[in-house]
Amino acid sequence: MDKSIDEINRRIRDGSARVVTADEMPGIVCELGEEGALKEVDVVTTGTFGAMCSSGAFLNFGHAEPPIKMERLWLNDVEAYGGIAAVDTYIGATNKSVTRAENYGGAHVIEDFVAGKPIELRAQSSGSDCYPRRNITTEIHLDDLNQAIMVNPRNAYQRYDAATNTSEDALFTYMGTLLPNSGNVTFSGAGTLNPLCNDPTLRLIGSGVPILLGGAAGMIVGEGTQHSSAGNFGTLMTTGDMNEMSTDFLRAAYMYRYGPTLYLGVGVPLPVLDIEVVRRTAVRDEDIPVSIKDYGVPSRSRPVIRQVTYAELKSGKIELNGEEVRTSSLSSYRNALKVARTLKQWVEEGQMTLCLPTRRLDPSKQVKPMRETRKVALVQEIMQRKVVTIKEDEEIPEAARKLLRGETNHLPVLNEQGRLVGVVTTFDVAKAVARPGRQITVKDVMTRNVITTLADEPVDIAAQKLDHHRISALPVVDAQNQCIAILHASDLGKLFKSGGRGL
């Protein structure tokens, strides 16, 4: 018993359509069977609510008197794009304020607009015959704008990799704060409620399909950026009118030491046309696999620690390497459910009818990495291969002599097997000399938790380590943790002398 989209829309219009949320569908199929569920259910509503950095809005301010062509402009001191037309702009969610604290950005401007708050517009121009004005500063509200259209390049990821951190330092990422030594696991996504998890072949989700976006009736434009449905990482480009949005479904946020982002509610109603749709919309958290990746490795291809499911992640704890590790979600399942239920109410009340895609999305699309035509500079190109080292059992006066003879402030410390076990600096030796006592050998004063680099590591990563840990040198080690060279902060200047490659 297949159903047509016209038949389902007739039921929506006369109020007889049976609409359920995606979390209800597995139980209905279990109770009634696939044929019974097909007969009973007409529409399944989905929802997700999480950080969607690739979001923003086109705004039109209207012309001033005298008119100005805004070449550079700021909204609450967050720079917006001025390269469209005289009084049009696009403001992105992650752009930071130039004067406020870094925890205010484009997402906060968007939320403040939707909340009805005043926004300061400041703009500059070089002036022209038709646009003679050179500067403008004014205060505007959302209802002062001719258009405020949210257009988001990438929303509603089908699923996310979970994140952990095997390094010895805390990391601050778009996946939140990751504690050292796999101290936690963070994840995102609504699982069973997610729109694309309920339509993985993209049969029902595509261009022109109506959605809930930020509390407004919106539409899918097409595939989102980084759309990679072949690997179950599909995304959607979406649009909606900001004037109809609500802060119940749209909130600005700040990821500590990463930057601003926009939390956004997105929901898609799915017509239950046949048995295939029934099977797809009966997906459970237990059916959706998630890779836990090691963000302690600064690479695009992070290693997978283990495979889990959304059900395991939502339980609050998982096992990693024989230890129980706590999990936490960066998205809100409660708000995702609110999205799905609101969308259900809209369909039940006839406020939204359904349609099939006017243009299908490619279910076989695979994302590609960036094409790089210039090789990234590696540590081995600028490191100092002649490195002065010292054994851990040598006495402090010998360390002082080596520091003086080697014209360096850092001595890598080796054990009897020649492996790196510490670093001693001029400051460490000076303290030991100034406070004579039990500190006799190098191992008594050395730093044991050594931050290191590898010869084939990009210089950018090494520079970040120097800056993050506020140190001025990194021992370069091999796979056996033997010190083969040293990289000083001053060595970074070699990149500029050789043509500026790398940083």
Protein backbone atom coordinates (compact mmCIF):
# COMPACT_ATOMS: atom_id res chain seq x y z
CA MET A 1 0.00 0.00 0.00
CA ASP A 2 2.07 2.93 -1.26
CA LYS A 3 0.95 6.53 -0.71
CA SER A 4 1.47 9.59 -2.89
CA ILE A 5 2.63 12.98 -1.71
CA ASP A 6 -0.69 14.45 -2.93
CA GLU A 7 -2.64 11.98 -0.80
CA ILE A 8 -0.60 12.85 2.28
CA ASN A 9 -1.06 16.59 1.67
CA ARG A 10 -4.83 16.11 1.33
CA ARG A 11 -4.85 14.47 4.75
CA ILE A 12 -2.78 17.33 6.17
CA ARG A 13 -5.22 19.89 4.77
CA ASP A 14 -8.33 18.09 6.09
CA GLY A 15 -6.69 17.42 9.48
CA SER A 16 -6.70 13.62 9.27
CA ALA A 17 -2.94 13.04 8.80
CA ARG A 18 -1.19 10.95 11.44
CA VAL A 19 2.07 12.69 12.32
CA VAL A 20 4.70 11.23 14.67
CA THR A 21 8.18 12.31 15.72
CA ALA A 22 11.16 10.23 14.64
CA ASP A 23 11.82 8.92 18.15
CA GLU A 24 8.29 7.42 18.20
CA MET A 25 8.59 5.59 14.90
CA PRO A 26 10.75 2.61 16.04
CA GLY A 27 8.16 1.71 18.70
CA ILE A 28 5.28 2.00 16.22
CA VAL A 29 7.03 -0.30 13.74
CA CYS A 30 7.79 -2.76 16.54
CA GLU A 31 4.14 -2.78 17.62
CA LEU A 32 2.33 -2.69 14.25
CA GLY A 33 4.93 -4.10 11.86
CA GLU A 34 6.10 -2.32 8.72
CA GLU A 35 2.80 -2.68 6.82
CA GLY A 36 0.81 -1.53 9.83
CA ALA A 37 3.10 1.47 10.37
CA LEU A 38 2.77 2.42 6.69
CA LYS A 39 -1.00 2.35 6.98
CA GLU A 40 -1.03 4.23 10.29
CA VAL A 41 1.61 6.98 9.83
CA ASP A 42 1.65 9.69 7.17
CA VAL A 43 4.47 11.99 8.30
CA VAL A 44 7.57 11.58 10.48
CA THR A 45 9.09 14.79 11.83
CA THR A 46 12.78 15.02 12.62
CA GLY A 47 14.92 17.54 14.47
CA THR A 48 18.41 18.45 15.54
CA PHE A 49 19.78 21.27 17.68
CA GLY A 50 23.49 21.90 17.92
CA ALA A 51 26.41 24.13 17.05
CA MET A 52 26.31 24.97 13.35
CA CYS A 53 29.33 27.18 12.70
CA SER A 54 28.72 27.43 8.95
CA SER A 55 25.72 29.73 9.34
CA GLY A 56 25.02 33.38 8.63
CA ALA A 57 22.62 35.88 7.10
CA PHE A 58 22.23 38.23 4.16
CA LEU A 59 21.05 41.67 5.28
CA ASN A 60 19.84 44.71 3.32
CA PHE A 61 19.86 48.03 5.19
CA GLY A 62 18.28 50.36 2.63
CA HIS A 63 19.96 53.51 1.32
CA ALA A 64 21.09 56.37 3.55
CA GLU A 65 20.90 60.10 2.72
CA PRO A 66 23.29 60.91 1.14
CA PRO A 67 23.86 57.35 -0.08
CA ILE A 68 26.92 55.27 0.79
CA LYS A 69 28.50 52.20 -0.77
CA MET A 70 29.59 50.29 2.33
CA GLU A 71 32.99 48.83 1.52
CA ARG A 72 33.78 47.84 5.09
CA LEU A 73 31.17 47.50 7.81
CA TRP A 74 30.77 46.29 11.34
CA LEU A 75 27.71 45.19 13.32
CA ASN A 76 28.33 45.59 17.06
CA ASP A 77 31.99 45.71 16.01
CA VAL A 78 31.80 42.33 14.26
CA GLU A 79 33.00 42.76 10.69
CA ALA A 80 30.55 41.69 7.99
CA TYR A 81 31.26 41.16 4.29
CA GLY A 82 31.05 44.34 2.24
CA GLY A 83 31.77 42.99 -1.22
CA ILE A 84 28.23 42.36 -2.43
CA ALA A 85 26.54 45.69 -3.20
CA ALA A 86 26.13 49.13 -1.71
CA VAL A 87 23.93 48.28 1.26
CA ASP A 88 23.93 44.46 1.27
CA THR A 89 26.10 42.33 3.53
CA TYR A 90 26.61 38.79 4.75
CA ILE A 91 27.48 38.23 8.39
CA GLY A 92 28.98 34.88 9.39
CA ALA A 93 28.35 33.25 12.75
CA THR A 94 31.99 32.67 13.70
CA ASN A 95 33.48 36.10 12.96
CA LYS A 96 34.76 37.71 16.16
CA SER A 97 34.22 41.22 17.45
CA VAL A 98 37.20 43.51 16.90
CA THR A 99 36.73 45.36 20.21
CA ARG A 100 34.64 43.22 22.54
CA ALA A 101 35.85 40.09 24.28
CA GLU A 102 36.47 37.17 21.95
CA ASN A 103 33.33 35.48 23.25
CA TYR A 104 31.15 37.82 21.14
CA GLY A 105 30.80 37.26 17.41
CA GLY A 106 28.53 37.10 14.41
CA ALA A 107 26.30 34.49 16.05
CA HIS A 108 25.62 36.92 18.89
CA VAL A 109 24.72 39.68 16.41
CA ILE A 110 22.24 37.31 14.76
CA GLU A 111 20.71 36.31 18.09
CA ASP A 112 20.51 39.96 19.20
CA PHE A 113 18.70 40.84 15.96
CA VAL A 114 16.19 38.00 16.47
CA ALA A 115 15.74 39.00 20.13
CA GLY A 116 14.75 42.52 19.05
CA LYS A 117 17.86 44.24 20.44
CA PRO A 118 19.42 47.32 18.81
CA ILE A 119 22.56 46.75 16.73
CA GLU A 120 25.16 49.41 15.96
CA LEU A 121 26.00 49.61 12.25
CA ARG A 122 29.29 51.29 11.42
CA ALA A 123 30.51 51.52 7.82
CA GLN A 124 33.23 53.13 5.72
CA SER A 125 33.56 53.96 2.02
CA SER A 126 36.09 55.54 -0.29
CA GLY A 127 33.22 57.51 -1.86
CA SER A 128 32.10 57.86 -5.47
CA ASP A 129 29.98 60.15 -7.62
CA CYS A 130 26.84 58.07 -7.07
CA TYR A 131 27.69 57.13 -3.47
CA PRO A 132 29.39 60.24 -2.05
CA ARG A 133 29.10 59.45 1.66
CA ARG A 134 32.23 58.07 3.31
CA ASN A 135 31.14 57.12 6.84
CA ILE A 136 27.99 56.17 8.68
CA THR A 137 27.18 55.08 12.23
CA THR A 138 23.60 54.26 13.17
CA GLU A 139 21.50 51.98 15.37
CA ILE A 140 19.19 49.47 13.72
CA HIS A 141 16.70 46.75 14.66
CA LEU A 142 15.64 43.68 12.73
CA ASP A 143 12.39 45.31 11.60
CA ASP A 144 14.38 48.23 10.14
CA LEU A 145 15.90 45.93 7.53
CA ASN A 146 14.40 45.32 4.11
CA GLN A 147 15.59 41.72 4.16
CA ALA A 148 17.24 39.52 6.78
CA ILE A 149 17.55 36.12 5.15
CA MET A 150 19.48 33.39 6.91
CA VAL A 151 21.44 31.32 4.38
CA ASN A 152 23.54 28.63 5.99
CA PRO A 153 26.16 26.84 3.89
CA ARG A 154 26.31 23.79 6.15
CA ASN A 155 23.67 22.61 8.62
CA ALA A 156 22.34 19.36 10.09
CA TYR A 157 25.36 17.06 9.77
CA GLN A 158 24.12 13.49 9.33
CA ARG A 159 26.41 12.43 12.16
CA TYR A 160 29.58 13.58 13.88
CA ASP A 161 32.76 11.85 14.95
CA ALA A 162 33.13 11.80 18.72
CA ALA A 163 36.31 13.29 20.17
CA THR A 164 38.87 12.35 22.78
CA ASN A 165 42.42 13.47 23.47
CA THR A 166 45.30 11.08 24.18
CA SER A 167 47.88 13.84 24.54
CA GLU A 168 49.08 15.10 27.92
CA ASP A 169 47.62 18.58 27.48
CA ALA A 170 44.04 19.82 27.53
CA LEU A 171 42.79 20.83 24.07
CA PHE A 172 40.21 23.51 23.28
CA THR A 173 38.35 22.65 20.10
CA TYR A 174 35.03 22.96 18.25
CA MET A 175 34.25 19.69 20.06
CA GLY A 176 34.62 21.49 23.37
CA THR A 177 37.35 21.07 25.98
CA LEU A 178 39.09 17.71 25.68
CA LEU A 179 40.85 16.59 28.84
CA PRO A 180 44.33 15.05 28.61
CA ASN A 181 44.97 11.29 28.59
CA SER A 182 41.48 10.49 27.25
CA GLY A 183 39.87 12.05 30.31
CA ASN A 184 36.57 12.56 28.48
CA VAL A 185 34.72 11.97 25.22
CA THR A 186 32.51 14.62 23.61
CA PHE A 187 29.98 14.08 20.85
CA SER A 188 27.26 15.92 18.97
CA GLY A 189 24.10 15.17 17.04
CA ALA A 190 20.55 14.01 17.72
CA GLY A 191 20.96 10.41 16.56
CA THR A 192 17.55 8.86 15.96
CA LEU A 193 15.95 12.31 15.52
CA ASN A 194 18.48 13.56 12.96
CA PRO A 195 16.87 14.34 9.56
CA LEU A 196 19.57 12.72 7.42
CA CYS A 197 19.78 9.63 9.62
CA ASN A 198 16.11 9.06 8.77
CA ASP A 199 16.70 9.50 5.04
CA PRO A 200 20.29 8.35 4.38
CA THR A 201 19.69 7.76 0.66
CA LEU A 202 18.41 11.34 0.26
CA ARG A 203 15.23 10.24 -1.40
CA LEU A 204 13.00 12.69 0.51
CA ILE A 205 15.48 15.40 1.51
CA GLY A 206 16.67 17.79 -1.20
CA SER A 207 16.23 21.18 -2.82
CA GLY A 208 12.88 22.87 -2.20
CA VAL A 209 11.84 20.68 0.74
CA PRO A 210 10.20 22.72 3.56
CA ILE A 211 11.87 22.70 6.97
CA LEU A 212 11.87 24.33 10.38
CA LEU A 213 14.92 26.58 10.66
CA GLY A 214 15.54 28.58 13.81
CA GLY A 215 11.82 28.49 14.60
CA ALA A 216 10.83 29.77 11.14
CA ALA A 217 9.41 27.98 8.13
CA GLY A 218 12.44 27.57 5.89
CA MET A 219 13.65 25.53 2.96
CA ILE A 220 16.50 23.29 1.87
CA VAL A 221 18.58 25.01 -0.81
CA GLY A 222 20.64 21.95 -1.69
CA GLU A 223 23.63 20.00 -0.48
CA GLY A 224 25.67 21.70 2.20
CA THR A 225 29.38 22.39 2.03
CA GLN A 226 31.54 19.36 2.89
CA HIS A 227 28.55 17.17 1.97
CA SER A 228 29.88 13.62 2.04
CA SER A 229 26.87 11.33 2.07
CA ALA A 230 28.90 8.38 0.78
CA GLY A 231 30.48 8.22 4.24
CA ASN A 232 27.24 9.06 6.09
CA PHE A 233 28.36 12.64 6.60
CA GLY A 234 25.72 14.43 4.54
CA THR A 235 24.97 18.12 5.15
CA LEU A 236 22.31 20.63 4.05
CA MET A 237 22.37 24.20 2.81
CA THR A 238 19.35 25.92 4.33
CA THR A 239 17.53 29.25 4.27
CA GLY A 240 14.80 31.04 6.21
CA ASP A 241 13.49 34.49 7.12
CA MET A 242 15.06 35.81 10.34
CA ASN A 243 11.95 37.90 11.03
CA GLU A 244 10.05 34.69 11.77
CA MET A 245 12.75 33.11 13.93
CA SER A 246 12.81 32.71 17.68
CA THR A 247 15.56 32.55 20.27
CA ASP A 248 13.87 29.35 21.48
CA PHE A 249 15.47 27.70 18.43
CA LEU A 250 18.49 29.95 17.84
CA ARG A 251 21.19 30.77 20.39
CA ALA A 252 24.70 32.16 20.15
CA ALA A 253 27.46 30.38 22.04
CA TYR A 254 31.18 30.54 22.65
CA MET A 255 33.49 27.53 22.60
CA TYR A 256 36.22 28.28 25.14
CA ARG A 257 39.46 29.32 23.39
CA TYR A 258 37.99 28.34 20.02
CA GLY A 259 35.46 31.01 19.17
CA PRO A 260 31.80 31.94 18.62
CA THR A 261 29.27 29.58 17.09
CA LEU A 262 25.53 29.46 16.49
CA TYR A 263 23.30 26.82 18.05
CA LEU A 264 20.43 26.24 15.68
CA GLY A 265 17.32 24.08 15.45
CA VAL A 266 16.68 22.33 12.12
CA GLY A 267 13.81 19.93 11.43
CA VAL A 268 12.58 18.20 8.28
CA PRO A 269 9.12 16.54 7.85
CA LEU A 270 9.31 13.25 5.96
CA PRO A 271 6.33 11.82 4.04
CA VAL A 272 5.79 8.10 4.70
CA LEU A 273 5.28 6.93 1.12
CA ASP A 274 6.12 3.22 1.29
CA ILE A 275 7.82 0.41 3.20
CA GLU A 276 11.29 1.75 2.40
CA VAL A 277 10.49 5.02 4.17
CA VAL A 278 9.07 3.08 7.13
CA ARG A 279 12.30 1.10 7.47
CA ARG A 280 14.50 4.19 7.20
CA THR A 281 12.52 6.20 9.76
CA ALA A 282 12.58 3.33 12.25
CA VAL A 283 16.30 3.96 12.85
CA ARG A 284 17.43 3.82 16.49
CA ASP A 285 20.44 5.22 18.30
CA GLU A 286 21.75 1.65 18.49
CA ASP A 287 21.81 1.54 14.67
CA ILE A 288 23.95 4.67 14.12
CA PRO A 289 27.73 4.09 14.33
CA VAL A 290 30.12 6.77 15.54
CA SER A 291 33.92 6.83 15.40
CA ILE A 292 35.80 8.17 18.43
CA LYS A 293 38.79 10.04 17.03
CA ASP A 294 41.97 11.21 18.71
CA TYR A 295 42.13 15.00 18.57
CA GLY A 296 45.52 14.79 20.27
CA VAL A 297 46.92 14.12 16.79
CA PRO A 298 47.02 17.46 14.90
CA SER A 299 46.12 16.04 11.51
CA ARG A 300 43.17 15.95 9.12
CA SER A 301 43.28 12.14 9.30
CA ARG A 302 42.95 11.61 13.03
CA PRO A 303 43.25 8.00 14.22
CA VAL A 304 40.10 6.16 15.27
CA ILE A 305 40.27 5.00 18.89
CA ARG A 306 37.17 2.79 18.67
CA GLN A 307 33.70 2.48 17.14
CA VAL A 308 30.59 3.08 19.26
CA THR A 309 26.94 4.00 18.69
CA TYR A 310 24.85 7.00 19.69
CA ALA A 311 23.16 4.76 22.26
CA GLU A 312 26.50 4.10 23.96
CA LEU A 313 27.51 7.75 23.88
CA LYS A 314 24.17 8.89 25.31
CA SER A 315 24.54 6.45 28.22
CA GLY A 316 27.04 8.86 29.77
CA LYS A 317 30.05 6.56 29.82
CA ILE A 318 32.00 4.20 27.60
CA GLU A 319 35.06 2.02 27.95
CA LEU A 320 38.37 3.16 26.46
CA ASN A 321 41.49 1.02 26.87
CA GLY A 322 39.99 -0.82 29.81
CA GLU A 323 38.93 2.34 31.65
CA GLU A 324 35.51 3.93 32.09
CA VAL A 325 35.40 7.36 30.46
CA ARG A 326 32.59 9.88 30.79
CA THR A 327 30.83 11.14 27.68
CA SER A 328 29.07 14.46 27.19
CA SER A 329 26.97 15.90 24.39
CA LEU A 330 27.63 19.29 22.86
CA SER A 331 24.16 19.36 21.32
CA SER A 332 20.77 19.36 23.00
CA TYR A 333 18.55 16.32 22.51
CA ARG A 334 15.78 18.04 24.46
CA ASN A 335 15.76 20.96 22.04
CA ALA A 336 16.04 18.61 19.05
CA LEU A 337 12.90 16.90 20.33
CA LYS A 338 11.28 20.33 20.74
CA VAL A 339 12.07 21.02 17.07
CA ALA A 340 10.50 17.71 15.96
CA ARG A 341 7.41 18.27 18.14
CA THR A 342 6.93 21.85 16.94
CA LEU A 343 7.20 20.67 13.35
CA LYS A 344 4.67 17.92 14.14
CA GLN A 345 2.26 20.56 15.46
CA TRP A 346 2.71 22.69 12.33
CA VAL A 347 1.87 19.75 10.05
CA GLU A 348 -1.06 18.60 12.19
CA GLU A 349 -2.52 22.12 12.11
CA GLY A 350 -2.05 22.39 8.35
CA GLN A 351 0.54 25.17 8.60
CA MET A 352 3.02 23.18 6.51
CA THR A 353 2.42 20.79 3.63
CA LEU A 354 5.09 18.56 2.16
CA CYS A 355 6.82 18.17 -1.17
CA LEU A 356 9.44 15.94 -2.71
CA PRO A 357 12.80 17.45 -3.74
CA THR A 358 12.77 19.60 -6.86
CA ARG A 359 16.39 18.52 -7.27
CA ARG A 360 17.83 15.39 -5.66
CA LEU A 361 21.03 15.47 -3.64
CA ASP A 362 23.82 13.07 -4.59
CA PRO A 363 23.91 10.15 -2.13
CA SER A 364 27.30 9.04 -3.49
CA LYS A 365 29.09 12.38 -2.94
CA GLN A 366 32.50 12.11 -1.28
CA VAL A 367 34.24 15.13 0.22
CA LYS A 368 37.75 15.95 -1.04
CA PRO A 369 40.67 17.45 0.91
CA MET A 370 42.20 20.78 -0.05
CA ARG A 371 44.56 20.74 -3.03
CA GLU A 372 47.86 22.17 -1.84
CA THR A 373 50.33 23.38 -4.45
CA ARG A 374 52.97 24.48 -1.96
CA LYS A 375 54.54 21.92 0.32
CA VAL A 376 54.11 22.65 4.01
CA ALA A 377 57.37 23.43 5.82
CA LEU A 378 58.51 20.64 8.15
CA VAL A 379 60.54 20.82 11.35
CA GLN A 380 63.43 18.94 9.71
CA GLU A 381 64.01 21.88 7.37
CA ILE A 382 64.88 24.35 10.13
CA MET A 383 65.84 22.26 13.20
CA GLN A 384 69.37 22.29 14.61
CA ARG A 385 70.81 18.83 14.06
CA LYS A 386 73.86 19.46 16.21
CA VAL A 387 72.34 19.24 19.66
CA VAL A 388 74.16 19.27 22.99
CA THR A 389 72.71 16.74 25.45
CA ILE A 390 73.47 15.57 28.97
CA LYS A 391 72.88 12.38 30.97
CA GLU A 392 70.45 12.49 33.88
CA ASP A 393 73.08 11.36 36.44
CA GLU A 394 75.61 14.05 35.58
CA GLU A 395 76.18 16.80 38.12
CA ILE A 396 74.83 20.32 37.84
CA PRO A 397 78.22 22.04 37.29
CA GLU A 398 78.69 19.88 34.19
CA ALA A 399 75.28 21.04 32.93
CA ALA A 400 76.38 24.64 33.47
CA ARG A 401 79.59 24.07 31.47
CA LYS A 402 77.69 22.45 28.61
CA LEU A 403 75.17 25.27 28.50
CA LEU A 404 78.00 27.78 28.24
CA ARG A 405 80.02 25.83 25.67
CA GLY A 406 77.00 24.97 23.57
CA GLU A 407 75.70 28.54 23.54
CA THR A 408 72.20 27.29 24.28
CA ASN A 409 69.63 27.67 27.04
CA HIS A 410 68.26 24.12 26.76
CA LEU A 411 69.89 20.74 27.35
CA PRO A 412 67.88 17.62 26.48
CA VAL A 413 68.45 15.05 29.23
CA LEU A 414 69.00 11.39 28.28
CA ASN A 415 68.87 8.17 30.28
CA GLU A 416 71.36 5.30 29.99
CA GLN A 417 69.54 3.99 26.89
CA GLY A 418 69.89 7.36 25.18
CA ARG A 419 66.18 8.16 25.37
CA LEU A 420 64.86 11.60 26.24
CA VAL A 421 63.69 11.84 29.84
CA GLY A 422 63.81 15.56 30.54
CA VAL A 423 65.08 19.03 29.74
CA VAL A 424 67.28 21.28 31.86
CA THR A 425 67.55 25.01 31.18
CA THR A 426 69.87 27.81 32.19
CA PHE A 427 67.17 28.96 34.63
CA ASP A 428 67.02 25.49 36.26
CA VAL A 429 70.80 25.48 36.76
CA ALA A 430 70.80 29.03 38.11
CA LYS A 431 68.14 28.13 40.68
CA ALA A 432 70.13 25.07 41.77
CA VAL A 433 73.31 27.11 42.19
CA ALA A 434 71.47 29.87 44.07
CA ARG A 435 69.88 27.32 46.44
CA PRO A 436 72.55 24.71 47.17
CA GLY A 437 71.35 21.64 48.97
CA ARG A 438 70.11 18.26 47.86
CA GLN A 439 69.97 19.20 44.18
CA ILE A 440 73.18 17.55 43.00
CA THR A 441 72.45 15.88 39.66
CA VAL A 442 70.61 16.96 36.55
CA LYS A 443 67.66 14.68 37.25
CA ASP A 444 67.06 16.61 40.49
CA VAL A 445 66.28 19.85 38.64
CA MET A 446 65.21 18.84 35.13
CA THR A 447 61.68 19.19 33.73
CA ARG A 448 60.36 15.67 33.22
CA ASN A 449 57.18 16.38 31.26
CA VAL A 450 58.92 17.35 28.02
CA ILE A 451 57.05 18.89 25.11
CA THR A 452 58.62 17.50 21.93
CA THR A 453 58.24 17.61 18.18
CA LEU A 454 59.00 15.26 15.28
CA ALA A 455 61.21 15.89 12.28
CA ASP A 456 58.30 15.37 9.88
CA GLU A 457 55.84 17.49 11.86
CA PRO A 458 54.64 20.71 10.15
CA VAL A 459 56.36 23.82 11.48
CA ASP A 460 52.93 25.36 12.14
CA ILE A 461 52.20 22.64 14.72
CA ALA A 462 55.58 23.06 16.38
CA ALA A 463 55.09 26.83 16.54
CA GLN A 464 51.70 26.31 18.16
CA LYS A 465 53.31 24.09 20.82
CA LEU A 466 55.91 26.76 21.56
CA ASP A 467 53.21 29.41 21.91
CA HIS A 468 50.74 27.26 23.85
CA HIS A 469 53.26 26.11 26.44
CA ARG A 470 55.16 29.41 26.50
CA ILE A 471 58.50 27.74 25.91
CA SER A 472 61.36 28.65 23.58
CA ALA A 473 62.65 25.26 22.41
CA LEU A 474 61.43 21.78 21.48
CA PRO A 475 63.59 18.64 21.45
CA VAL A 476 63.10 16.74 18.19
CA VAL A 477 62.68 13.00 18.83
CA ASP A 478 62.39 9.87 16.69
CA ALA A 479 60.07 6.88 17.07
CA GLN A 480 62.26 5.50 19.89
CA ASN A 481 62.12 8.83 21.77
CA GLN A 482 65.79 9.49 21.07
CA CYS A 483 66.72 13.15 20.73
CA ILE A 484 67.98 13.76 17.19
CA ALA A 485 67.84 17.58 17.07
CA ILE A 486 66.41 20.67 18.71
CA LEU A 487 64.13 23.42 17.44
CA HIS A 488 64.43 26.88 18.96
CA ALA A 489 61.82 29.59 18.57
CA SER A 490 64.49 31.68 16.86
CA ASP A 491 64.80 28.99 14.16
CA LEU A 492 61.35 29.92 12.86
CA GLY A 493 62.90 33.02 11.34
CA LYS A 494 64.68 30.77 8.80
CA LEU A 495 61.35 30.30 7.03
CA PHE A 496 61.12 33.97 6.19
CA LYS A 497 64.72 34.13 5.03
CA SER A 498 64.05 31.21 2.65
CA GLY A 499 60.94 32.71 1.12
CA GLY A 500 58.25 32.79 3.78
CA ARG A 501 56.96 29.26 3.37
CA GLY A 502 55.04 27.66 6.27
CA LEU A 503 53.78 30.00 8.95
